[in-house]
Amino acid sequence: MSAVCLPRTCRLLRQVPRGLPAAMRRHFSLDVAAPLLRTQGFVNGRWVSAASVFPVLDPATGQEIARVADFGPAEAKQAVDAAHEAFQSWKHVTAKERSVVLRKWFDLLMLHRDDLASIITFECGKPIRESLGEISYSASFLEWFSEEARRIYGDIVPPPARDRKILLLKQPIGVASIITPWNFPSAMITRKVGAALAAGCTVVVKPAEDTPLSALALAELAAQAGVPAGVFNVVPCSRDQTPSVGRVLCTDPLVAKISFTGSTNTGKVLLKMAADTVKKASMELGGHAPFIVFDSADVDRAVGGAMASKFRNSGQTCVCSNRFLVQSGIYERFLEKLGRAMDSELRVGHGSEPHTTQGPLINAGAAEKVVQQISDAVSRGAKVLKGGKRLDGSFMEPTLLADVTADMLCTKEETFGPLVPVIRFDTEEEAVAVANASSVGLAGYFYSQDVGQIWRVVEALEVGIVGVNEGLLSTPEATFGGVKQSGLGREGSKYGIDEYLEVKYMCFGGLDP
């Protein structure tokens, strides 16, 4: 396929990319003097070392780019204690003061947008344009929740008797453990932490072991913004230390709330650990998004939406389209137009190269999973129309499969890679049944110009987020979260802050009637 990385380009991936801005070249080598490049943990307003370190690798090259403090359960406990102590004062800070601090943090993210984006690109593999977009998206949650901090309203409820008043007060829940994934190493933190801090909570963040540098850069800017010591703590750790650190964050009695984004299986483990102390939990777990194109759709618009939804971050997003269902009347036309778009728009390479649209997958195991899904589909009768091969390291060719059926592996499990399996269907009822035949329900997409059909399908799809004639959905103003085994609770929007609040009922009696 002409749109993928050619052998000469693949060789360049092993070198420092050419034509980089000076700031990006500095971050590529991770110069320890760079102000946002931190490799220690952040606890109680101080940078803290650990007894050992673990490597952070550039997924495009496999090269080590930094060694980060490898925290264990003792350091995690210290962070929880610091957050609990800080909560005693932070919960009394006025909403206006919290708003000002969050706004300063937002301003600093935007000021350092280029440097933060380059960190994401080199530890996560994301194309630089997408990394820049993530930082803007990440900052938007700090801006949004800086405004929502001043809108945490309680209620005065009409009482059943004349001699009393009923008031419902909203108060911060306490210390929140924040456990985040590698695919959005900045935005998944600010979406949770922005709400928590706005509500008056304090947090301990455990970033993914693949991408701790973004979290630590956020800690540096939080300190500069005036977030008090102990309010925002970061405990980086290796894969080996993750179970013991996670256990502290999920079982310590001082932790009142857990917020996790990651796989459904891991979420279930964390919920079980949190059960003994009955912690409040919000879980944003796995997805398996259907992308339905009906005969009435604008095919060109549907192809554009498919490109945006599927290939962002090389298909490594939880709301990424995974199962493509196309009605028989436009099936061939959709495949032909999508194939042309893939050829003309997709370029595989190191994320720092300005024309790259498809970076590496996070590691070799992720690439191997995509290869297995392709092999399984082909063995069951699917046809490879574009791509289909694994390139050097963890790079994958963007792949288009036709004649896919619902019994294939790629239609049963989340892919997290640049694979488009296309299923043909005949009726609306058939498409909805296939779309809903999953234990998860995070996002779903469909294209139609039939108004009646739009309302029917929106109500019928068993998902928490629906894109109608639109492939990009995320915004701080709207809720984010799923149904079934895709999780619990909602993030973003005016509802996201409720995850960090308790409602206290006050009955004020003894009043003269």
Protein backbone atom coordinates (compact mmCIF):
# COMPACT_ATOMS: atom_id res chain seq x y z
CA MET A 1 0.00 0.00 0.00
CA SER A 2 1.49 3.31 -1.08
CA ALA A 3 0.44 5.14 2.06
CA VAL A 4 2.53 3.15 4.51
CA CYS A 5 6.11 3.43 5.67
CA LEU A 6 8.60 2.47 2.98
CA PRO A 7 11.82 0.63 3.90
CA ARG A 8 13.93 3.80 3.71
CA THR A 9 11.53 5.64 6.03
CA CYS A 10 11.52 2.73 8.45
CA ARG A 11 15.31 2.93 8.69
CA LEU A 12 15.04 6.59 9.61
CA LEU A 13 12.92 5.65 12.60
CA ARG A 14 16.03 4.39 14.36
CA GLN A 15 17.67 7.80 14.16
CA VAL A 16 16.92 11.17 15.70
CA PRO A 17 14.23 12.51 13.34
CA ARG A 18 15.32 15.24 10.95
CA GLY A 19 13.86 18.72 10.76
CA LEU A 20 12.66 18.92 14.35
CA PRO A 21 12.20 22.22 16.19
CA ALA A 22 14.90 22.84 18.76
CA ALA A 23 12.54 22.17 21.66
CA MET A 24 11.62 18.78 20.22
CA ARG A 25 15.24 17.82 19.64
CA ARG A 26 15.94 18.68 23.26
CA HIS A 27 13.05 16.53 24.42
CA PHE A 28 14.11 13.69 22.18
CA SER A 29 17.33 13.39 24.17
CA LEU A 30 15.43 14.24 27.36
CA ASP A 31 17.95 16.76 28.55
CA VAL A 32 17.62 16.68 32.34
CA ALA A 33 17.99 20.46 32.41
CA ALA A 34 14.73 20.92 30.48
CA PRO A 35 12.28 22.45 32.98
CA LEU A 36 9.39 20.06 32.32
CA LEU A 37 11.36 16.84 32.15
CA ARG A 38 11.13 15.28 35.59
CA THR A 39 12.10 11.74 36.53
CA GLN A 40 11.36 11.72 40.27
CA GLY A 41 7.97 11.20 41.85
CA PHE A 42 6.03 14.17 43.25
CA VAL A 43 4.76 13.89 46.82
CA ASN A 44 3.65 16.65 49.17
CA GLY A 45 5.05 19.35 46.89
CA ARG A 46 8.51 17.77 46.69
CA TRP A 47 10.38 15.75 44.08
CA VAL A 48 11.15 12.35 45.59
CA SER A 49 13.56 9.64 44.46
CA ALA A 50 13.07 5.90 44.91
CA ALA A 51 15.41 3.00 45.63
CA SER A 52 15.31 1.98 41.98
CA VAL A 53 14.33 3.31 38.57
CA PHE A 54 12.56 1.90 35.52
CA PRO A 55 13.09 2.73 31.83
CA VAL A 56 10.73 4.69 29.61
CA LEU A 57 11.05 3.72 25.95
CA ASP A 58 10.28 5.49 22.70
CA PRO A 59 7.80 3.02 21.14
CA ALA A 60 8.89 4.08 17.65
CA THR A 61 12.50 3.07 18.12
CA GLY A 62 12.61 0.94 21.24
CA GLN A 63 15.32 3.25 22.60
CA GLU A 64 15.41 4.22 26.26
CA ILE A 65 14.60 7.90 26.66
CA ALA A 66 14.54 8.23 30.46
CA ARG A 67 14.75 6.40 33.77
CA VAL A 68 12.04 7.26 36.25
CA ALA A 69 11.75 6.67 40.00
CA ASP A 70 10.12 3.31 40.63
CA PHE A 71 7.77 3.90 43.55
CA GLY A 72 6.52 1.05 45.70
CA PRO A 73 3.78 0.70 48.30
CA ALA A 74 5.69 2.68 50.93
CA GLU A 75 5.95 5.74 48.69
CA ALA A 76 2.32 5.31 47.62
CA LYS A 77 1.28 5.33 51.28
CA GLN A 78 3.31 8.51 51.85
CA ALA A 79 1.45 10.14 48.96
CA VAL A 80 -1.94 9.10 50.36
CA ASP A 81 -1.01 10.47 53.78
CA ALA A 82 0.14 13.74 52.23
CA ALA A 83 -3.07 14.05 50.24
CA HIS A 84 -5.16 13.36 53.32
CA GLU A 85 -3.34 16.01 55.33
CA ALA A 86 -3.65 18.53 52.50
CA PHE A 87 -7.37 17.81 52.20
CA GLN A 88 -7.97 19.20 55.69
CA SER A 89 -7.11 22.67 54.41
CA TRP A 90 -7.89 22.43 50.66
CA LYS A 91 -11.54 21.57 51.33
CA HIS A 92 -11.90 24.94 53.09
CA VAL A 93 -10.36 26.97 50.26
CA THR A 94 -13.10 28.99 48.60
CA ALA A 95 -14.45 27.93 45.24
CA LYS A 96 -13.21 31.19 43.74
CA GLU A 97 -9.66 30.55 44.98
CA ARG A 98 -9.69 26.99 43.61
CA SER A 99 -10.97 28.38 40.34
CA VAL A 100 -8.09 30.83 40.11
CA VAL A 101 -5.48 28.11 40.72
CA LEU A 102 -6.98 25.82 38.07
CA ARG A 103 -7.09 28.69 35.59
CA LYS A 104 -3.40 29.42 36.20
CA TRP A 105 -2.65 25.74 35.59
CA PHE A 106 -4.61 25.93 32.33
CA ASP A 107 -2.63 29.00 31.25
CA LEU A 108 0.67 27.22 31.93
CA LEU A 109 -0.34 24.18 29.89
CA MET A 110 -1.13 26.39 26.93
CA LEU A 111 2.10 28.35 27.40
CA HIS A 112 4.14 25.11 27.32
CA ARG A 113 1.97 23.35 24.75
CA ASP A 114 4.82 22.53 22.33
CA ASP A 115 7.09 21.05 24.99
CA LEU A 116 4.30 19.01 26.56
CA ALA A 117 3.25 17.70 23.14
CA SER A 118 6.75 16.56 22.28
CA ILE A 119 6.96 14.62 25.55
CA ILE A 120 3.76 12.79 24.60
CA THR A 121 5.08 12.01 21.13
CA PHE A 122 8.31 10.48 22.36
CA GLU A 123 6.91 8.42 25.23
CA CYS A 124 3.57 7.48 23.64
CA GLY A 125 4.36 7.47 19.90
CA LYS A 126 1.48 9.77 19.00
CA PRO A 127 1.98 12.00 15.89
CA ILE A 128 3.00 15.49 16.94
CA ARG A 129 -0.12 17.10 15.53
CA GLU A 130 -2.26 14.80 17.65
CA SER A 131 -0.07 15.43 20.68
CA LEU A 132 -0.59 19.16 20.26
CA GLY A 133 -4.30 18.49 20.05
CA GLU A 134 -4.18 16.41 23.20
CA ILE A 135 -2.54 19.21 25.17
CA SER A 136 -5.24 21.64 24.08
CA TYR A 137 -7.85 19.04 25.01
CA SER A 138 -6.08 18.37 28.31
CA ALA A 139 -5.96 22.07 29.15
CA SER A 140 -9.64 22.48 28.26
CA PHE A 141 -10.64 20.35 31.26
CA LEU A 142 -8.71 22.61 33.63
CA GLU A 143 -10.43 25.61 32.08
CA TRP A 144 -13.87 23.96 32.23
CA PHE A 145 -13.59 22.81 35.83
CA SER A 146 -12.06 26.11 36.93
CA GLU A 147 -15.40 27.57 35.88
CA GLU A 148 -17.49 24.72 37.35
CA ALA A 149 -15.81 25.11 40.75
CA ARG A 150 -18.01 28.15 41.37
CA ARG A 151 -21.21 26.35 40.33
CA ILE A 152 -21.35 23.60 42.97
CA TYR A 153 -24.84 24.44 44.11
CA GLY A 154 -26.82 22.75 46.84
CA ASP A 155 -30.60 22.81 47.21
CA ILE A 156 -33.28 24.17 49.52
CA VAL A 157 -36.14 21.69 49.46
CA PRO A 158 -39.76 22.50 50.46
CA PRO A 159 -40.28 20.75 53.85
CA PRO A 160 -43.27 18.58 54.80
CA ALA A 161 -43.77 20.58 58.02
CA ARG A 162 -43.81 24.31 58.76
CA ASP A 163 -41.35 24.14 61.69
CA ARG A 164 -38.33 22.94 59.71
CA LYS A 165 -36.13 23.67 56.71
CA ILE A 166 -34.47 21.10 54.44
CA LEU A 167 -31.06 21.88 52.93
CA LEU A 168 -28.93 19.64 50.72
CA LEU A 169 -25.24 20.51 50.89
CA LYS A 170 -22.53 19.34 48.49
CA GLN A 171 -19.14 18.61 50.03
CA PRO A 172 -15.87 17.15 48.68
CA ILE A 173 -15.51 13.43 49.22
CA GLY A 174 -11.84 13.45 50.24
CA VAL A 175 -8.69 11.85 48.82
CA ALA A 176 -9.09 10.44 45.30
CA SER A 177 -6.82 7.83 43.72
CA ILE A 178 -6.43 8.56 40.00
CA ILE A 179 -5.16 5.68 37.83
CA THR A 180 -4.66 6.59 34.18
CA PRO A 181 -3.73 4.91 30.86
CA TRP A 182 -0.92 5.53 28.37
CA ASN A 183 -2.94 6.44 25.27
CA PHE A 184 -3.89 9.92 26.50
CA PRO A 185 -1.22 10.48 29.16
CA SER A 186 -2.12 14.11 29.81
CA ALA A 187 -5.85 14.47 29.09
CA MET A 188 -6.92 11.45 31.13
CA ILE A 189 -5.28 13.07 34.15
CA THR A 190 -6.72 16.56 33.78
CA ARG A 191 -10.23 15.25 33.02
CA LYS A 192 -10.24 13.57 36.43
CA VAL A 193 -8.02 15.87 38.46
CA GLY A 194 -9.63 19.07 37.20
CA ALA A 195 -12.97 17.90 38.57
CA ALA A 196 -11.47 16.61 41.81
CA LEU A 197 -9.58 19.78 42.64
CA ALA A 198 -12.52 21.98 41.66
CA ALA A 199 -14.69 20.03 44.11
CA GLY A 200 -12.16 20.47 46.92
CA CYS A 201 -10.64 16.98 46.82
CA THR A 202 -6.96 16.07 46.81
CA VAL A 203 -5.46 13.41 44.56
CA VAL A 204 -2.78 10.77 44.14
CA VAL A 205 -2.11 10.02 40.47
CA LYS A 206 -0.61 6.75 39.28
CA PRO A 207 0.25 7.18 35.59
CA ALA A 208 0.76 4.27 33.22
CA GLU A 209 4.27 2.83 33.37
CA ASP A 210 4.74 3.52 29.65
CA THR A 211 4.04 7.26 29.94
CA PRO A 212 4.98 8.74 33.33
CA LEU A 213 6.80 11.78 31.93
CA SER A 214 3.60 13.59 30.93
CA ALA A 215 2.17 13.19 34.43
CA LEU A 216 5.35 14.49 36.02
CA ALA A 217 5.38 17.48 33.66
CA LEU A 218 1.84 18.26 34.78
CA ALA A 219 3.03 18.12 38.39
CA GLU A 220 5.76 20.66 37.64
CA LEU A 221 3.22 23.05 36.14
CA ALA A 222 0.73 22.42 38.96
CA ALA A 223 3.35 23.56 41.44
CA GLN A 224 4.06 26.64 39.34
CA ALA A 225 0.33 27.39 39.21
CA GLY A 226 0.12 27.44 43.01
CA VAL A 227 -1.53 24.08 43.68
CA PRO A 228 -0.67 23.60 47.37
CA ALA A 229 1.67 20.86 48.56
CA GLY A 230 -0.08 17.52 48.93
CA VAL A 231 -3.10 18.44 46.80
CA PHE A 232 -1.65 16.88 43.62
CA ASN A 233 0.73 13.93 44.00
CA VAL A 234 2.22 11.64 41.32
CA VAL A 235 3.49 8.12 42.08
CA PRO A 236 5.23 6.63 39.02
CA CYS A 237 6.01 2.94 39.09
CA SER A 238 7.09 0.06 36.86
CA ARG A 239 4.86 -2.76 35.69
CA ASP A 240 6.32 -4.97 38.44
CA GLN A 241 5.39 -2.48 41.17
CA THR A 242 1.96 -1.64 39.76
CA PRO A 243 -0.01 -4.35 41.64
CA SER A 244 1.35 -3.39 45.05
CA VAL A 245 0.99 0.35 44.43
CA GLY A 246 -2.51 -0.16 43.06
CA ARG A 247 -3.45 -2.13 46.15
CA VAL A 248 -2.47 0.78 48.41
CA LEU A 249 -4.44 3.25 46.30
CA CYS A 250 -7.53 1.02 46.32
CA THR A 251 -7.50 -0.24 49.90
CA ASP A 252 -6.06 2.51 52.10
CA PRO A 253 -8.82 3.71 54.45
CA LEU A 254 -7.79 7.33 53.87
CA VAL A 255 -8.73 7.08 50.19
CA ALA A 256 -12.39 7.91 49.64
CA LYS A 257 -12.63 7.68 45.85
CA ILE A 258 -11.07 5.77 42.94
CA SER A 259 -11.15 6.95 39.35
CA PHE A 260 -9.71 4.56 36.77
CA THR A 261 -9.43 4.51 32.98
CA GLY A 262 -8.24 1.27 31.43
CA SER A 263 -9.27 -2.25 30.58
CA THR A 264 -12.47 -3.84 31.84
CA ASN A 265 -10.53 -6.72 33.41
CA THR A 266 -8.29 -4.40 35.40
CA GLY A 267 -11.27 -2.30 36.44
CA LYS A 268 -12.95 -5.36 37.91
CA VAL A 269 -9.84 -6.15 39.95
CA LEU A 270 -9.72 -2.59 41.33
CA LEU A 271 -13.42 -2.66 42.21
CA LYS A 272 -12.93 -5.87 44.17
CA MET A 273 -10.03 -4.35 46.10
CA ALA A 274 -12.07 -1.23 46.87
CA ALA A 275 -15.09 -3.17 48.08
CA ASP A 276 -13.84 -3.86 51.62
CA THR A 277 -13.69 -0.16 52.42
CA VAL A 278 -16.72 0.71 50.24
CA LYS A 279 -15.01 3.42 48.24
CA LYS A 280 -16.82 5.50 45.68
CA ALA A 281 -15.58 4.49 42.22
CA SER A 282 -15.81 5.74 38.67
CA MET A 283 -14.57 3.44 35.95
CA GLU A 284 -14.01 4.29 32.28
CA LEU A 285 -13.32 0.85 30.87
CA GLY A 286 -13.07 -0.96 27.54
CA GLY A 287 -15.01 -0.16 24.41
CA HIS A 288 -15.86 -1.95 21.17
CA ALA A 289 -17.52 0.82 19.22
CA PRO A 290 -19.77 0.02 16.26
CA PHE A 291 -19.65 2.33 13.23
CA ILE A 292 -22.83 1.92 11.16
CA VAL A 293 -23.34 3.36 7.67
CA PHE A 294 -26.91 3.16 6.39
CA ASP A 295 -27.96 3.36 2.75
CA SER A 296 -29.34 6.85 3.37
CA ALA A 297 -25.95 8.17 4.55
CA ASP A 298 -23.78 10.75 2.86
CA VAL A 299 -21.01 8.29 1.96
CA ASP A 300 -18.27 10.90 1.66
CA ARG A 301 -19.12 12.25 5.11
CA ALA A 302 -19.18 8.72 6.49
CA VAL A 303 -15.73 8.00 5.05
CA GLY A 304 -14.38 11.19 6.63
CA GLY A 305 -15.87 10.21 9.98
CA ALA A 306 -14.42 6.71 9.72
CA MET A 307 -10.95 8.10 9.04
CA ALA A 308 -11.15 10.47 11.99
CA SER A 309 -12.61 7.94 14.41
CA LYS A 310 -10.52 4.91 13.45
CA PHE A 311 -7.04 6.23 12.80
CA ARG A 312 -6.60 8.80 15.57
CA ASN A 313 -3.63 7.68 17.66
CA SER A 314 -3.25 4.72 15.27
CA GLY A 315 -6.54 3.29 16.49
CA GLN A 316 -5.51 3.32 20.16
CA THR A 317 -8.45 5.13 21.73
CA CYS A 318 -11.23 3.75 23.89
CA VAL A 319 -13.90 5.39 21.72
CA CYS A 320 -12.22 4.26 18.51
CA SER A 321 -14.51 2.56 15.96
CA ASN A 322 -13.88 -1.19 16.00
CA ARG A 323 -16.72 -2.84 14.09
CA PHE A 324 -17.79 -1.27 10.80
CA LEU A 325 -21.27 -2.21 9.61
CA VAL A 326 -22.23 -1.00 6.11
CA GLN A 327 -25.61 -1.54 4.49
CA SER A 328 -25.66 -3.58 1.29
CA GLY A 329 -26.77 -0.76 -1.01
CA ILE A 330 -23.58 1.27 -0.44
CA TYR A 331 -21.20 -1.44 0.75
CA GLU A 332 -18.93 -1.51 -2.32
CA ARG A 333 -18.93 2.26 -2.73
CA PHE A 334 -17.97 2.80 0.92
CA LEU A 335 -15.08 0.31 0.68
CA GLU A 336 -13.75 1.90 -2.50
CA LYS A 337 -13.89 5.46 -1.12
CA LEU A 338 -12.43 4.47 2.25
CA GLY A 339 -9.56 2.63 0.56
CA ARG A 340 -8.75 5.71 -1.50
CA ALA A 341 -8.83 7.92 1.58
CA MET A 342 -6.45 5.58 3.40
CA ASP A 343 -4.02 5.70 0.47
CA SER A 344 -4.06 9.48 0.21
CA GLU A 345 -4.22 10.54 3.85
CA LEU A 346 -2.28 8.04 5.98
CA ARG A 347 1.48 8.13 6.47
CA VAL A 348 3.32 5.83 8.89
CA GLY A 349 6.45 7.11 10.62
CA HIS A 350 7.95 8.54 13.78
CA GLY A 351 5.43 10.82 15.46
CA SER A 352 7.83 13.76 15.40
CA GLU A 353 7.92 13.87 11.59
CA PRO A 354 5.49 16.59 10.47
CA HIS A 355 3.70 14.49 7.86
CA THR A 356 3.21 11.39 10.01
CA THR A 357 -0.41 10.47 10.72
CA GLN A 358 0.21 6.94 12.04
CA GLY A 359 2.80 6.41 14.73
CA PRO A 360 3.75 3.10 16.32
CA LEU A 361 1.53 1.05 18.55
CA ILE A 362 2.57 1.27 22.18
CA ASN A 363 4.61 -1.96 22.11
CA ALA A 364 5.28 -5.14 20.14
CA GLY A 365 2.54 -7.02 21.98
CA ALA A 366 -0.05 -4.51 20.76
CA ALA A 367 1.12 -4.99 17.18
CA GLU A 368 1.02 -8.76 17.54
CA LYS A 369 -2.60 -8.58 18.72
CA VAL A 370 -3.58 -6.78 15.50
CA VAL A 371 -1.67 -9.35 13.43
CA GLN A 372 -3.56 -12.16 15.17
CA GLN A 373 -6.91 -10.53 14.48
CA ILE A 374 -6.06 -10.10 10.80
CA SER A 375 -4.84 -13.70 10.52
CA ASP A 376 -7.99 -15.01 12.20
CA ALA A 377 -10.24 -12.96 9.92
CA VAL A 378 -8.46 -14.09 6.75
CA SER A 379 -8.61 -17.72 7.85
CA ARG A 380 -12.41 -17.33 8.15
CA GLY A 381 -12.90 -15.78 4.74
CA ALA A 382 -12.16 -12.06 5.08
CA LYS A 383 -10.28 -10.27 2.30
CA VAL A 384 -7.39 -7.85 2.87
CA LEU A 385 -8.03 -4.79 0.67
CA LYS A 386 -5.34 -2.54 2.17
CA GLY A 387 -2.32 -3.17 4.36
CA GLY A 388 -2.35 -6.26 6.53
CA LYS A 389 1.31 -6.42 7.48
CA ARG A 390 3.36 -5.61 10.53
CA LEU A 391 6.30 -3.28 9.89
CA ASP A 392 9.46 -2.75 11.94
CA GLY A 393 9.04 -2.90 15.72
CA SER A 394 5.50 -2.04 16.78
CA PHE A 395 4.43 -0.35 13.57
CA MET A 396 1.39 -1.69 11.71
CA GLU A 397 0.12 -0.99 8.24
CA PRO A 398 -3.34 0.58 8.32
CA THR A 399 -5.51 -2.33 7.24
CA LEU A 400 -8.90 -2.62 5.53
CA LEU A 401 -10.77 -5.94 5.60
CA ALA A 402 -13.87 -6.83 3.57
CA ASP A 403 -16.29 -9.76 3.87
CA VAL A 404 -15.98 -9.74 7.65
CA THR A 405 -18.48 -11.73 9.71
CA ALA A 406 -19.59 -11.49 13.33
CA ASP A 407 -17.81 -14.72 14.32
CA MET A 408 -14.33 -13.31 13.67
CA LEU A 409 -12.00 -12.28 16.51
CA CYS A 410 -11.82 -8.66 15.37
CA THR A 411 -15.58 -8.32 15.87
CA LYS A 412 -15.53 -9.90 19.33
CA GLU A 413 -12.70 -8.05 21.07
CA GLU A 414 -11.37 -4.51 21.10
CA THR A 415 -8.52 -4.06 18.62
CA PHE A 416 -6.59 -0.97 19.74
CA GLY A 417 -4.85 -0.70 16.39
CA PRO A 418 -5.33 0.58 12.80
CA LEU A 419 -7.64 -2.20 11.59
CA VAL A 420 -10.95 -1.59 9.77
CA PRO A 421 -13.09 -4.77 9.56
CA VAL A 422 -16.21 -4.14 7.46
CA ILE A 423 -19.39 -6.21 7.86
CA ARG A 424 -22.23 -6.10 5.31
CA PHE A 425 -25.82 -5.89 6.64
CA ASP A 426 -29.27 -5.65 5.06
CA THR A 427 -31.70 -4.19 7.62
CA GLU A 428 -31.66 -1.61 10.43
CA GLU A 429 -32.73 -4.25 12.94
CA GLU A 430 -29.83 -6.49 11.91
CA ALA A 431 -27.30 -3.66 12.33
CA VAL A 432 -28.58 -2.69 15.78
CA ALA A 433 -28.54 -6.33 16.92
CA VAL A 434 -24.93 -6.79 15.82
CA ALA A 435 -23.91 -3.45 17.37
CA ASN A 436 -25.48 -4.37 20.72
CA ALA A 437 -24.05 -7.92 20.78
CA SER A 438 -21.24 -6.91 23.12
CA SER A 439 -20.69 -6.92 26.87
CA VAL A 440 -19.37 -3.35 26.67
CA GLY A 441 -21.00 -0.13 25.52
CA LEU A 442 -18.85 2.99 25.53
CA ALA A 443 -19.27 4.75 22.17
CA GLY A 444 -21.15 4.11 18.95
CA TYR A 445 -21.37 5.91 15.62
CA PHE A 446 -23.77 5.85 12.71
CA TYR A 447 -24.43 7.77 9.52
CA SER A 448 -27.93 8.36 8.21
CA GLN A 449 -29.98 11.20 6.72
CA ASP A 450 -33.31 9.63 7.69
CA VAL A 451 -34.57 11.62 10.69
CA GLY A 452 -36.86 8.86 11.92
CA GLN A 453 -34.08 6.31 11.67
CA ILE A 454 -31.70 8.61 13.53
CA TRP A 455 -34.00 8.79 16.58
CA ARG A 456 -34.74 5.07 16.52
CA VAL A 457 -31.07 4.06 16.38
CA VAL A 458 -29.90 6.62 18.95
CA GLU A 459 -32.38 5.21 21.46
CA ALA A 460 -31.67 1.58 20.54
CA LEU A 461 -27.86 1.59 20.74
CA GLU A 462 -26.59 0.31 24.09
CA VAL A 463 -23.76 2.82 24.55
CA GLY A 464 -23.09 5.90 26.64
CA ILE A 465 -21.87 8.10 23.76
CA VAL A 466 -23.39 8.31 20.28
CA GLY A 467 -21.98 10.12 17.26
CA VAL A 468 -24.61 10.81 14.58
CA ASN A 469 -22.95 11.83 11.33
CA GLU A 470 -19.86 12.71 13.37
CA GLY A 471 -16.68 10.76 14.11
CA LEU A 472 -15.04 12.99 16.75
CA LEU A 473 -17.02 13.37 19.96
CA SER A 474 -14.90 14.35 22.95
CA THR A 475 -15.33 17.78 24.50
CA PRO A 476 -15.23 18.98 28.12
CA GLU A 477 -18.79 20.29 27.89
CA ALA A 478 -20.27 16.80 27.36
CA THR A 479 -20.37 13.65 29.45
CA PHE A 480 -17.91 10.82 28.83
CA GLY A 481 -18.66 7.29 30.00
CA GLY A 482 -20.30 4.02 29.06
CA VAL A 483 -22.91 1.41 29.97
CA LYS A 484 -22.74 -2.34 30.61
CA GLN A 485 -19.13 -3.38 31.31
CA SER A 486 -17.71 -0.15 29.91
CA GLY A 487 -17.79 1.35 33.35
CA LEU A 488 -19.43 3.42 36.06
CA GLY A 489 -20.02 7.14 36.32
CA ARG A 490 -19.38 10.05 33.97
CA GLU A 491 -16.47 12.40 33.39
CA GLY A 492 -16.48 15.89 31.91
CA SER A 493 -19.51 18.21 31.69
CA LYS A 494 -21.36 19.63 34.66
CA TYR A 495 -21.93 16.05 35.84
CA GLY A 496 -18.24 15.14 36.08
CA ILE A 497 -17.71 17.10 39.25
CA ASP A 498 -20.49 15.16 41.02
CA GLU A 499 -18.19 12.10 41.06
CA TYR A 500 -16.09 13.91 43.70
CA LEU A 501 -18.91 15.23 45.87
CA GLU A 502 -21.14 13.89 48.62
CA VAL A 503 -24.64 15.26 49.23
CA LYS A 504 -25.38 15.96 52.89
CA TYR A 505 -28.98 16.36 54.01
CA MET A 506 -29.50 18.92 56.78
CA CYS A 507 -32.86 19.06 58.52
CA PHE A 508 -33.10 22.34 60.42
CA GLY A 509 -35.93 21.90 62.91
CA GLY A 510 -37.45 23.65 65.89
CA LEU A 511 -38.41 26.75 63.95
CA ASP A 512 -41.44 28.78 64.88
CA PRO A 513 -44.26 27.99 62.46
